[in-house]
Amino acid sequence: MNTRFLETFVTLAQLQSFRATARTLHATPATISLRIRTLEDELKCELVDRRSRKFRLTPAGQYLVDFARDVIDAARTLREAAGAEPVVGGTLRLGVNETVVHSWLAHYLSYLNARFPTLEVDLAVDTSAALQKRLLAGELDMALRIEGVDSPRVVSRSIASYPVRWIARRDLLAQHSDGLAQQILNRPVLTFGRGTTPQIALEHIVHGIAVENGMRIDQMRIICSPSVAAIVQLVRDGYGVAAIPRLFVADALSSGEFAEIPLRPAPPPIVISSCARADAGVTVGAAVDAAHEACAEYCLGQPGELIEAL
């Protein structure tokens, strides 16, 4: 059980306001609501009476709040007794790629700020390949990038999976199965940076589809960019078809501006990993754990077809 969620519940019971609790814990009201709902699911009972116009705990919530305080106190006592309450502070040199920037980075930074108020983050945004080089060179303490780093000097943990789909401007292609592959491959296919795992997988898929449909492989045009914003804008301008996570174009899909193209096979999901040096200190270890917790919390508020915590 996540003691942070218990702390949120106890704070909410004291302040009797989701907004006030969010301000106190440096989070959003939606995040506070998600934590409470997650705790309710785990405890299999309602803690807050949402039918009441005035804030009120349910009888179960009133009964359990004291137990929640006891658990929090016991966890704190256990950490202190084990000497596991080190000071997490100083500067964290954090590198992230654009996939993280356009999804849960803001939530993660707010999470770090609330949990470790003396920790300062020196943020770098770069390609996954560049982040790996900088991490191995000792220029970064931690990186959030596509896939892990294949080195005994680095500990990598999968943190989130982003389902990828074929996306185009709705009026760009005729929505019928006959000739769909030709319609798509006659246009540039947009994807992430060259040499990345998603780009290599996509190139293999595109070549396979071309061969199946009697098209020449050397005529396929795959345009690579590390910038999510650039890819989305090129799709918006009608330049080509993109193989990108649905998360980044969810609003445009809902509005009807973009359409998901039913071409098979679909590209494989993008997997983001946390990467840190194996000899990293307490602060980096705490920041890595916080990244997984913050990402999982973010994913609770997103449909599973957009992003999934690992």
C-alpha atoms as a PDB file:
ATOM      1  CA  MET A   1       0.000   0.000   0.000  1.00  0.00           C
ATOM      2  CA  ASN A   2       1.323   3.423  -0.981  1.00  0.00           C
ATOM      3  CA  THR A   3       1.780   5.431   2.234  1.00  0.00           C
ATOM      4  CA  ARG A   4       1.752   8.627   0.158  1.00  0.00           C
ATOM      5  CA  PHE A   5      -1.879   7.918  -0.704  1.00  0.00           C
ATOM      6  CA  LEU A   6      -2.599   7.392   3.000  1.00  0.00           C
ATOM      7  CA  GLU A   7      -0.939  10.736   3.745  1.00  0.00           C
ATOM      8  CA  THR A   8      -3.185  12.335   1.102  1.00  0.00           C
ATOM      9  CA  PHE A   9      -6.253  10.792   2.723  1.00  0.00           C
ATOM     10  CA  VAL A  10      -5.287  12.029   6.197  1.00  0.00           C
ATOM     11  CA  THR A  11      -4.550  15.532   4.879  1.00  0.00           C
ATOM     12  CA  LEU A  12      -7.872  15.602   3.028  1.00  0.00           C
ATOM     13  CA  ALA A  13      -9.714  14.534   6.177  1.00  0.00           C
ATOM     14  CA  GLN A  14      -8.054  17.381   8.067  1.00  0.00           C
ATOM     15  CA  LEU A  15      -8.575  20.126   5.473  1.00  0.00           C
ATOM     16  CA  GLN A  16     -11.938  18.866   4.164  1.00  0.00           C
ATOM     17  CA  SER A  17     -11.228  20.245   0.696  1.00  0.00           C
ATOM     18  CA  PHE A  18      -9.684  18.712  -2.416  1.00  0.00           C
ATOM     19  CA  ARG A  19      -8.373  22.116  -3.536  1.00  0.00           C
ATOM     20  CA  ALA A  20      -6.805  22.936  -0.177  1.00  0.00           C
ATOM     21  CA  THR A  21      -5.248  19.483  -0.025  1.00  0.00           C
ATOM     22  CA  ALA A  22      -3.847  19.916  -3.533  1.00  0.00           C
ATOM     23  CA  ARG A  23      -2.253  23.245  -2.567  1.00  0.00           C
ATOM     24  CA  THR A  24      -0.773  21.781   0.604  1.00  0.00           C
ATOM     25  CA  LEU A  25       0.688  18.759  -1.185  1.00  0.00           C
ATOM     26  CA  HIS A  26       1.789  20.718  -4.289  1.00  0.00           C
ATOM     27  CA  ALA A  27      -0.457  18.677  -6.570  1.00  0.00           C
ATOM     28  CA  THR A  28      -3.583  19.217  -8.635  1.00  0.00           C
ATOM     29  CA  PRO A  29      -7.127  18.498  -7.384  1.00  0.00           C
ATOM     30  CA  ALA A  30      -7.382  15.833 -10.092  1.00  0.00           C
ATOM     31  CA  THR A  31      -4.267  14.118  -8.738  1.00  0.00           C
ATOM     32  CA  ILE A  32      -5.650  14.192  -5.197  1.00  0.00           C
ATOM     33  CA  SER A  33      -8.925  12.710  -6.445  1.00  0.00           C
ATOM     34  CA  LEU A  34      -7.050   9.942  -8.290  1.00  0.00           C
ATOM     35  CA  ARG A  35      -5.066   9.055  -5.165  1.00  0.00           C
ATOM     36  CA  ILE A  36      -8.228   8.804  -3.082  1.00  0.00           C
ATOM     37  CA  ARG A  37     -10.008   6.691  -5.703  1.00  0.00           C
ATOM     38  CA  THR A  38      -6.994   4.392  -5.952  1.00  0.00           C
ATOM     39  CA  LEU A  39      -6.960   4.003  -2.178  1.00  0.00           C
ATOM     40  CA  GLU A  40     -10.709   3.308  -2.195  1.00  0.00           C
ATOM     41  CA  ASP A  41     -10.223   0.612  -4.837  1.00  0.00           C
ATOM     42  CA  GLU A  42      -7.479  -0.997  -2.757  1.00  0.00           C
ATOM     43  CA  LEU A  43      -9.514  -0.855   0.461  1.00  0.00           C
ATOM     44  CA  LYS A  44     -12.709  -1.817  -1.383  1.00  0.00           C
ATOM     45  CA  CYS A  45     -14.785   0.901   0.271  1.00  0.00           C
ATOM     46  CA  GLU A  46     -15.721   4.547  -0.259  1.00  0.00           C
ATOM     47  CA  LEU A  47     -13.846   7.022   1.914  1.00  0.00           C
ATOM     48  CA  VAL A  48     -15.442  10.268   0.717  1.00  0.00           C
ATOM     49  CA  ASP A  49     -19.179  10.864   0.366  1.00  0.00           C
ATOM     50  CA  ARG A  50     -19.360  12.295  -3.149  1.00  0.00           C
ATOM     51  CA  ARG A  51     -23.145  12.547  -3.013  1.00  0.00           C
ATOM     52  CA  SER A  52     -22.979  15.225  -0.351  1.00  0.00           C
ATOM     53  CA  ARG A  53     -22.754  18.877  -1.489  1.00  0.00           C
ATOM     54  CA  LYS A  54     -20.557  19.586   1.530  1.00  0.00           C
ATOM     55  CA  PHE A  55     -17.311  17.685   2.036  1.00  0.00           C
ATOM     56  CA  ARG A  56     -17.898  14.671   4.230  1.00  0.00           C
ATOM     57  CA  LEU A  57     -16.166  11.392   4.913  1.00  0.00           C
ATOM     58  CA  THR A  58     -18.236   8.255   4.707  1.00  0.00           C
ATOM     59  CA  PRO A  59     -18.670   6.258   7.926  1.00  0.00           C
ATOM     60  CA  ALA A  60     -15.935   3.951   6.624  1.00  0.00           C
ATOM     61  CA  GLY A  61     -13.684   6.939   5.976  1.00  0.00           C
ATOM     62  CA  GLN A  62     -14.260   8.304   9.483  1.00  0.00           C
ATOM     63  CA  TYR A  63     -13.501   4.894  10.945  1.00  0.00           C
ATOM     64  CA  LEU A  64     -10.345   4.297   8.881  1.00  0.00           C
ATOM     65  CA  VAL A  65      -8.675   7.722   9.101  1.00  0.00           C
ATOM     66  CA  ASP A  66      -7.173   6.989  12.520  1.00  0.00           C
ATOM     67  CA  PHE A  67      -5.815   3.673  11.245  1.00  0.00           C
ATOM     68  CA  ALA A  68      -4.288   5.533   8.294  1.00  0.00           C
ATOM     69  CA  ARG A  69      -2.503   7.885  10.713  1.00  0.00           C
ATOM     70  CA  ASP A  70      -1.190   4.892  12.648  1.00  0.00           C
ATOM     71  CA  VAL A  71       0.178   3.292   9.464  1.00  0.00           C
ATOM     72  CA  ILE A  72       1.892   6.553   8.444  1.00  0.00           C
ATOM     73  CA  ASP A  73       3.453   6.941  11.896  1.00  0.00           C
ATOM     74  CA  ALA A  74       4.547   3.312  11.920  1.00  0.00           C
ATOM     75  CA  ALA A  75       6.145   3.638   8.466  1.00  0.00           C
ATOM     76  CA  ARG A  76       7.996   6.772   9.557  1.00  0.00           C
ATOM     77  CA  THR A  77       9.196   5.077  12.731  1.00  0.00           C
ATOM     78  CA  LEU A  78      10.370   2.054  10.739  1.00  0.00           C
ATOM     79  CA  ARG A  79      12.359   4.234   8.323  1.00  0.00           C
ATOM     80  CA  GLU A  80      13.944   6.165  11.167  1.00  0.00           C
ATOM     81  CA  ALA A  81      14.847   2.965  13.024  1.00  0.00           C
ATOM     82  CA  ALA A  82      16.418   1.535   9.880  1.00  0.00           C
ATOM     83  CA  GLY A  83      18.281   4.749   9.202  1.00  0.00           C
ATOM     84  CA  ALA A  84      16.366   5.026   5.927  1.00  0.00           C
ATOM     85  CA  GLU A  85      15.530   8.693   6.222  1.00  0.00           C
ATOM     86  CA  PRO A  86      18.507  10.147   4.359  1.00  0.00           C
ATOM     87  CA  VAL A  87      18.439  13.743   3.248  1.00  0.00           C
ATOM     88  CA  VAL A  88      17.528  13.900  -0.430  1.00  0.00           C
ATOM     89  CA  GLY A  89      18.729  17.211  -1.780  1.00  0.00           C
ATOM     90  CA  GLY A  90      21.330  18.992  -3.827  1.00  0.00           C
ATOM     91  CA  THR A  91      21.140  19.029  -7.618  1.00  0.00           C
ATOM     92  CA  LEU A  92      19.744  16.286  -9.837  1.00  0.00           C
ATOM     93  CA  ARG A  93      21.059  16.396 -13.402  1.00  0.00           C
ATOM     94  CA  LEU A  94      18.042  14.942 -15.193  1.00  0.00           C
ATOM     95  CA  GLY A  95      17.888  14.191 -18.904  1.00  0.00           C
ATOM     96  CA  VAL A  96      14.605  13.435 -20.685  1.00  0.00           C
ATOM     97  CA  ASN A  97      13.499  12.908 -24.255  1.00  0.00           C
ATOM     98  CA  GLU A  98      10.541  14.636 -25.893  1.00  0.00           C
ATOM     99  CA  THR A  99       8.213  11.684 -25.352  1.00  0.00           C
ATOM    100  CA  VAL A 100       8.401  12.337 -21.617  1.00  0.00           C
ATOM    101  CA  VAL A 101       8.238  16.130 -22.051  1.00  0.00           C
ATOM    102  CA  HIS A 102       4.911  15.831 -23.868  1.00  0.00           C
ATOM    103  CA  SER A 103       3.362  13.509 -21.290  1.00  0.00           C
ATOM    104  CA  TRP A 104       4.202  13.197 -17.586  1.00  0.00           C
ATOM    105  CA  LEU A 105       7.301  15.365 -17.060  1.00  0.00           C
ATOM    106  CA  ALA A 106       5.406  18.251 -15.416  1.00  0.00           C
ATOM    107  CA  HIS A 107       3.675  15.809 -13.079  1.00  0.00           C
ATOM    108  CA  TYR A 108       7.024  14.252 -12.168  1.00  0.00           C
ATOM    109  CA  LEU A 109       8.689  17.586 -11.429  1.00  0.00           C
ATOM    110  CA  SER A 110       5.759  18.616  -9.212  1.00  0.00           C
ATOM    111  CA  TYR A 111       6.020  15.265  -7.442  1.00  0.00           C
ATOM    112  CA  LEU A 112       9.743  15.798  -6.809  1.00  0.00           C
ATOM    113  CA  ASN A 113       9.134  19.330  -5.555  1.00  0.00           C
ATOM    114  CA  ALA A 114       6.511  18.171  -3.074  1.00  0.00           C
ATOM    115  CA  ARG A 115       8.456  15.182  -1.827  1.00  0.00           C
ATOM    116  CA  PHE A 116      11.984  16.603  -1.813  1.00  0.00           C
ATOM    117  CA  PRO A 117      11.711  20.387  -1.415  1.00  0.00           C
ATOM    118  CA  THR A 118      15.487  20.907  -1.120  1.00  0.00           C
ATOM    119  CA  LEU A 119      16.203  19.065  -4.377  1.00  0.00           C
ATOM    120  CA  GLU A 120      17.019  21.225  -7.402  1.00  0.00           C
ATOM    121  CA  VAL A 121      16.593  19.794 -10.902  1.00  0.00           C
ATOM    122  CA  ASP A 122      18.968  20.693 -13.721  1.00  0.00           C
ATOM    123  CA  LEU A 123      16.881  19.617 -16.725  1.00  0.00           C
ATOM    124  CA  ALA A 124      18.213  18.652 -20.156  1.00  0.00           C
ATOM    125  CA  VAL A 125      16.002  17.665 -23.104  1.00  0.00           C
ATOM    126  CA  ASP A 126      17.735  15.666 -25.836  1.00  0.00           C
ATOM    127  CA  THR A 127      17.503  12.601 -28.046  1.00  0.00           C
ATOM    128  CA  SER A 128      17.691   9.173 -26.439  1.00  0.00           C
ATOM    129  CA  ALA A 129      21.071   8.520 -28.074  1.00  0.00           C
ATOM    130  CA  ALA A 130      22.507  11.774 -26.764  1.00  0.00           C
ATOM    131  CA  LEU A 131      21.103  11.116 -23.290  1.00  0.00           C
ATOM    132  CA  GLN A 132      22.825   7.734 -23.212  1.00  0.00           C
ATOM    133  CA  LYS A 133      26.182   9.282 -24.132  1.00  0.00           C
ATOM    134  CA  ARG A 134      25.828  12.003 -21.525  1.00  0.00           C
ATOM    135  CA  LEU A 135      24.814   9.514 -18.835  1.00  0.00           C
ATOM    136  CA  LEU A 136      27.786   7.244 -19.551  1.00  0.00           C
ATOM    137  CA  ALA A 137      30.086  10.262 -19.623  1.00  0.00           C
ATOM    138  CA  GLY A 138      28.934  11.282 -16.149  1.00  0.00           C
ATOM    139  CA  GLU A 139      27.267  14.484 -17.384  1.00  0.00           C
ATOM    140  CA  LEU A 140      23.834  13.312 -16.211  1.00  0.00           C
ATOM    141  CA  ASP A 141      22.715  11.590 -13.010  1.00  0.00           C
ATOM    142  CA  MET A 142      19.585  10.090 -14.502  1.00  0.00           C
ATOM    143  CA  ALA A 143      17.870   9.785 -17.876  1.00  0.00           C
ATOM    144  CA  LEU A 144      14.339   9.024 -19.023  1.00  0.00           C
ATOM    145  CA  ARG A 145      14.713   7.697 -22.557  1.00  0.00           C
ATOM    146  CA  ILE A 146      13.499   5.167 -25.099  1.00  0.00           C
ATOM    147  CA  GLU A 147      14.604   1.677 -24.011  1.00  0.00           C
ATOM    148  CA  GLY A 148      17.314   0.995 -21.473  1.00  0.00           C
ATOM    149  CA  VAL A 149      21.078   1.450 -21.647  1.00  0.00           C
ATOM    150  CA  ASP A 150      22.992  -1.749 -22.429  1.00  0.00           C
ATOM    151  CA  SER A 151      25.883  -1.257 -20.030  1.00  0.00           C
ATOM    152  CA  PRO A 152      26.848  -2.879 -16.716  1.00  0.00           C
ATOM    153  CA  ARG A 153      27.499   0.649 -15.444  1.00  0.00           C
ATOM    154  CA  VAL A 154      23.830   1.593 -15.782  1.00  0.00           C
ATOM    155  CA  VAL A 155      20.665   0.270 -14.146  1.00  0.00           C
ATOM    156  CA  SER A 156      17.639   0.540 -16.426  1.00  0.00           C
ATOM    157  CA  ARG A 157      13.987  -0.059 -15.518  1.00  0.00           C
ATOM    158  CA  SER A 158      11.018   0.080 -17.896  1.00  0.00           C
ATOM    159  CA  ILE A 159       8.665   2.780 -16.716  1.00  0.00           C
ATOM    160  CA  ALA A 160       5.921   3.352 -19.323  1.00  0.00           C
ATOM    161  CA  SER A 161       4.613   1.997 -22.620  1.00  0.00           C
ATOM    162  CA  TYR A 162       3.052   4.226 -25.283  1.00  0.00           C
ATOM    163  CA  PRO A 163       0.883   2.426 -27.891  1.00  0.00           C
ATOM    164  CA  VAL A 164       1.751   3.650 -31.403  1.00  0.00           C
ATOM    165  CA  ARG A 165      -0.722   4.018 -34.268  1.00  0.00           C
ATOM    166  CA  TRP A 166      -0.772   5.168 -37.899  1.00  0.00           C
ATOM    167  CA  ILE A 167      -2.062   8.760 -37.829  1.00  0.00           C
ATOM    168  CA  ALA A 168      -2.989  11.117 -40.675  1.00  0.00           C
ATOM    169  CA  ARG A 169      -5.049  14.231 -41.250  1.00  0.00           C
ATOM    170  CA  ARG A 170      -8.602  13.015 -41.745  1.00  0.00           C
ATOM    171  CA  ASP A 171      -8.998  14.462 -45.216  1.00  0.00           C
ATOM    172  CA  LEU A 172      -5.639  13.202 -46.448  1.00  0.00           C
ATOM    173  CA  LEU A 173      -6.582   9.592 -47.158  1.00  0.00           C
ATOM    174  CA  ALA A 174      -9.707   7.829 -48.348  1.00  0.00           C
ATOM    175  CA  GLN A 175     -10.938   5.603 -45.525  1.00  0.00           C
ATOM    176  CA  HIS A 176     -11.301   2.283 -47.319  1.00  0.00           C
ATOM    177  CA  SER A 177      -9.285  -0.920 -47.230  1.00  0.00           C
ATOM    178  CA  ASP A 178      -8.565  -1.221 -50.959  1.00  0.00           C
ATOM    179  CA  GLY A 179      -5.268   0.400 -51.735  1.00  0.00           C
ATOM    180  CA  LEU A 180      -4.794   1.689 -48.184  1.00  0.00           C
ATOM    181  CA  ALA A 181      -1.167   0.560 -47.993  1.00  0.00           C
ATOM    182  CA  GLN A 182      -0.384   2.258 -51.308  1.00  0.00           C
ATOM    183  CA  GLN A 183      -2.075   5.473 -50.159  1.00  0.00           C
ATOM    184  CA  ILE A 184       0.060   5.566 -47.036  1.00  0.00           C
ATOM    185  CA  LEU A 185       3.391   4.504 -48.495  1.00  0.00           C
ATOM    186  CA  ASN A 186       3.095   6.879 -51.442  1.00  0.00           C
ATOM    187  CA  ARG A 187       3.479   9.641 -48.864  1.00  0.00           C
ATOM    188  CA  PRO A 188       6.327  10.293 -46.422  1.00  0.00           C
ATOM    189  CA  VAL A 189       6.070   8.281 -43.211  1.00  0.00           C
ATOM    190  CA  LEU A 190       6.994  10.338 -40.147  1.00  0.00           C
ATOM    191  CA  THR A 191       8.602   8.806 -37.090  1.00  0.00           C
ATOM    192  CA  PHE A 192      11.154   9.420 -34.358  1.00  0.00           C
ATOM    193  CA  GLY A 193      14.926   9.883 -34.574  1.00  0.00           C
ATOM    194  CA  ARG A 194      16.978   7.688 -36.865  1.00  0.00           C
ATOM    195  CA  GLY A 195      18.659   4.775 -35.144  1.00  0.00           C
ATOM    196  CA  THR A 196      16.120   4.595 -32.311  1.00  0.00           C
ATOM    197  CA  THR A 197      14.287   1.349 -31.600  1.00  0.00           C
ATOM    198  CA  PRO A 198      10.907   2.736 -32.841  1.00  0.00           C
ATOM    199  CA  GLN A 199      12.486   3.967 -36.097  1.00  0.00           C
ATOM    200  CA  ILE A 200      14.240   0.672 -36.804  1.00  0.00           C
ATOM    201  CA  ALA A 201      11.059  -1.312 -36.113  1.00  0.00           C
ATOM    202  CA  LEU A 202       8.998   1.013 -38.301  1.00  0.00           C
ATOM    203  CA  GLU A 203      11.430   0.766 -41.208  1.00  0.00           C
ATOM    204  CA  HIS A 204      11.185  -3.042 -41.040  1.00  0.00           C
ATOM    205  CA  ILE A 205       7.356  -2.847 -41.052  1.00  0.00           C
ATOM    206  CA  VAL A 206       7.244  -0.349 -43.931  1.00  0.00           C
ATOM    207  CA  HIS A 207       9.556  -2.497 -46.049  1.00  0.00           C
ATOM    208  CA  GLY A 208       7.446  -5.578 -45.309  1.00  0.00           C
ATOM    209  CA  ILE A 209       4.212  -3.823 -46.307  1.00  0.00           C
ATOM    210  CA  ALA A 210       5.862  -2.505 -49.471  1.00  0.00           C
ATOM    211  CA  VAL A 211       6.974  -5.976 -50.543  1.00  0.00           C
ATOM    212  CA  GLU A 212       3.504  -7.425 -49.859  1.00  0.00           C
ATOM    213  CA  ASN A 213       1.919  -4.748 -52.049  1.00  0.00           C
ATOM    214  CA  GLY A 214       4.385  -4.897 -54.924  1.00  0.00           C
ATOM    215  CA  MET A 215       6.006  -1.542 -54.135  1.00  0.00           C
ATOM    216  CA  ARG A 216       9.707  -0.759 -54.402  1.00  0.00           C
ATOM    217  CA  ILE A 217      11.544  -0.505 -51.090  1.00  0.00           C
ATOM    218  CA  ASP A 218      13.914   2.148 -52.420  1.00  0.00           C
ATOM    219  CA  GLN A 219      10.964   4.444 -53.074  1.00  0.00           C
ATOM    220  CA  MET A 220       9.784   4.430 -49.461  1.00  0.00           C
ATOM    221  CA  ARG A 221      10.304   7.772 -47.705  1.00  0.00           C
ATOM    222  CA  ILE A 222      10.754   7.623 -43.926  1.00  0.00           C
ATOM    223  CA  ILE A 223      11.261  11.049 -42.357  1.00  0.00           C
ATOM    224  CA  CYS A 224      12.854  10.971 -38.882  1.00  0.00           C
ATOM    225  CA  SER A 225      12.605  13.661 -36.235  1.00  0.00           C
ATOM    226  CA  PRO A 226      13.243  13.631 -32.479  1.00  0.00           C
ATOM    227  CA  SER A 227      10.629  16.387 -32.066  1.00  0.00           C
ATOM    228  CA  VAL A 228       7.071  15.335 -31.243  1.00  0.00           C
ATOM    229  CA  ALA A 229       5.834  18.850 -31.978  1.00  0.00           C
ATOM    230  CA  ALA A 230       7.451  18.833 -35.429  1.00  0.00           C
ATOM    231  CA  ILE A 231       5.919  15.474 -36.367  1.00  0.00           C
ATOM    232  CA  VAL A 232       2.442  16.545 -35.238  1.00  0.00           C
ATOM    233  CA  GLN A 233       2.710  19.825 -37.156  1.00  0.00           C
ATOM    234  CA  LEU A 234       3.772  18.023 -40.341  1.00  0.00           C
ATOM    235  CA  VAL A 235       0.731  15.748 -40.019  1.00  0.00           C
ATOM    236  CA  ARG A 236      -1.464  18.815 -39.460  1.00  0.00           C
ATOM    237  CA  ASP A 237      -0.022  20.383 -42.614  1.00  0.00           C
ATOM    238  CA  GLY A 238      -0.880  17.265 -44.612  1.00  0.00           C
ATOM    239  CA  TYR A 239       2.741  16.465 -45.388  1.00  0.00           C
ATOM    240  CA  GLY A 240       2.597  12.782 -44.547  1.00  0.00           C
ATOM    241  CA  VAL A 241       1.437   9.941 -42.315  1.00  0.00           C
ATOM    242  CA  ALA A 242       2.899   9.485 -38.831  1.00  0.00           C
ATOM    243  CA  ALA A 243       3.609   6.452 -36.685  1.00  0.00           C
ATOM    244  CA  ILE A 244       3.371   8.027 -33.234  1.00  0.00           C
ATOM    245  CA  PRO A 245       1.698   7.406 -29.863  1.00  0.00           C
ATOM    246  CA  ARG A 246      -2.016   8.227 -29.795  1.00  0.00           C
ATOM    247  CA  LEU A 247      -1.407  10.133 -26.561  1.00  0.00           C
ATOM    248  CA  PHE A 248       0.186  13.016 -28.450  1.00  0.00           C
ATOM    249  CA  VAL A 249      -2.749  13.509 -30.820  1.00  0.00           C
ATOM    250  CA  ALA A 250      -5.674  12.449 -28.618  1.00  0.00           C
ATOM    251  CA  ASP A 251      -7.369  15.859 -28.853  1.00  0.00           C
ATOM    252  CA  ALA A 252      -6.993  16.025 -32.639  1.00  0.00           C
ATOM    253  CA  LEU A 253      -8.414  12.505 -32.948  1.00  0.00           C
ATOM    254  CA  SER A 254     -11.365  13.398 -30.724  1.00  0.00           C
ATOM    255  CA  SER A 255     -12.096  16.569 -32.701  1.00  0.00           C
ATOM    256  CA  GLY A 256     -11.950  14.708 -36.008  1.00  0.00           C
ATOM    257  CA  GLU A 257      -8.982  16.666 -37.338  1.00  0.00           C
ATOM    258  CA  PHE A 258      -6.799  13.536 -37.351  1.00  0.00           C
ATOM    259  CA  ALA A 259      -7.766   9.931 -38.014  1.00  0.00           C
ATOM    260  CA  GLU A 260      -6.256   6.634 -36.964  1.00  0.00           C
ATOM    261  CA  ILE A 261      -5.484   4.594 -40.091  1.00  0.00           C
ATOM    262  CA  PRO A 262      -6.369   0.865 -39.811  1.00  0.00           C
ATOM    263  CA  LEU A 263      -3.182  -0.350 -41.481  1.00  0.00           C
ATOM    264  CA  ARG A 264      -1.691  -3.596 -40.192  1.00  0.00           C
ATOM    265  CA  PRO A 265       0.628  -4.377 -38.636  1.00  0.00           C
ATOM    266  CA  ALA A 266       0.569  -1.525 -36.156  1.00  0.00           C
ATOM    267  CA  PRO A 267       3.984  -0.231 -35.071  1.00  0.00           C
ATOM    268  CA  PRO A 268       5.216  -1.609 -31.717  1.00  0.00           C
ATOM    269  CA  PRO A 269       4.738   0.523 -28.601  1.00  0.00           C
ATOM    270  CA  ILE A 270       7.388   2.948 -27.424  1.00  0.00           C
ATOM    271  CA  VAL A 271       8.857   1.930 -24.069  1.00  0.00           C
ATOM    272  CA  ILE A 272      10.418   4.579 -21.859  1.00  0.00           C
ATOM    273  CA  SER A 273      12.945   3.517 -19.237  1.00  0.00           C
ATOM    274  CA  SER A 274      14.565   5.170 -16.251  1.00  0.00           C
ATOM    275  CA  CYS A 275      18.340   4.912 -16.468  1.00  0.00           C
ATOM    276  CA  ALA A 276      20.847   5.738 -13.749  1.00  0.00           C
ATOM    277  CA  ARG A 277      24.432   4.811 -13.020  1.00  0.00           C
ATOM    278  CA  ALA A 278      24.806   1.666 -10.929  1.00  0.00           C
ATOM    279  CA  ASP A 279      26.936   3.545  -8.404  1.00  0.00           C
ATOM    280  CA  ALA A 280      24.434   6.392  -8.023  1.00  0.00           C
ATOM    281  CA  GLY A 281      23.844   7.788  -4.552  1.00  0.00           C
ATOM    282  CA  VAL A 282      20.748   8.053  -2.392  1.00  0.00           C
ATOM    283  CA  THR A 283      19.388  11.177  -4.075  1.00  0.00           C
ATOM    284  CA  VAL A 284      19.440   9.639  -7.553  1.00  0.00           C
ATOM    285  CA  GLY A 285      17.912   6.398  -6.269  1.00  0.00           C
ATOM    286  CA  ALA A 286      15.102   8.343  -4.615  1.00  0.00           C
ATOM    287  CA  ALA A 287      14.533  10.343  -7.807  1.00  0.00           C
ATOM    288  CA  VAL A 288      14.311   7.145  -9.877  1.00  0.00           C
ATOM    289  CA  ASP A 289      11.761   5.628  -7.479  1.00  0.00           C
ATOM    290  CA  ALA A 290       9.805   8.886  -7.531  1.00  0.00           C
ATOM    291  CA  ALA A 291       9.757   8.804 -11.340  1.00  0.00           C
ATOM    292  CA  HIS A 292       8.080   5.396 -11.325  1.00  0.00           C
ATOM    293  CA  GLU A 293       5.579   6.494  -8.690  1.00  0.00           C
ATOM    294  CA  ALA A 294       4.755   9.762 -10.474  1.00  0.00           C
ATOM    295  CA  CYS A 295       4.413   8.035 -13.850  1.00  0.00           C
ATOM    296  CA  ALA A 296       2.087   5.401 -12.384  1.00  0.00           C
ATOM    297  CA  GLU A 297       0.006   8.161 -10.822  1.00  0.00           C
ATOM    298  CA  TYR A 298      -0.151  10.043 -14.136  1.00  0.00           C
ATOM    299  CA  CYS A 299      -1.213   6.894 -15.981  1.00  0.00           C
ATOM    300  CA  LEU A 300      -4.149   6.424 -13.599  1.00  0.00           C
ATOM    301  CA  GLY A 301      -5.717   9.505 -15.164  1.00  0.00           C
ATOM    302  CA  GLN A 302      -5.161   8.404 -18.777  1.00  0.00           C
ATOM    303  CA  PRO A 303      -7.004   5.748 -20.831  1.00  0.00           C
ATOM    304  CA  GLY A 304      -5.042   2.529 -21.153  1.00  0.00           C
ATOM    305  CA  GLU A 305      -4.888   2.804 -24.940  1.00  0.00           C
ATOM    306  CA  LEU A 306      -2.836   6.016 -24.570  1.00  0.00           C
ATOM    307  CA  ILE A 307      -0.177   5.093 -21.992  1.00  0.00           C
ATOM    308  CA  GLU A 308       0.447   2.261 -19.545  1.00  0.00           C
ATOM    309  CA  ALA A 309       2.712   2.234 -16.499  1.00  0.00           C
ATOM    310  CA  LEU A 310       5.120  -0.708 -16.332  1.00  0.00           C
END
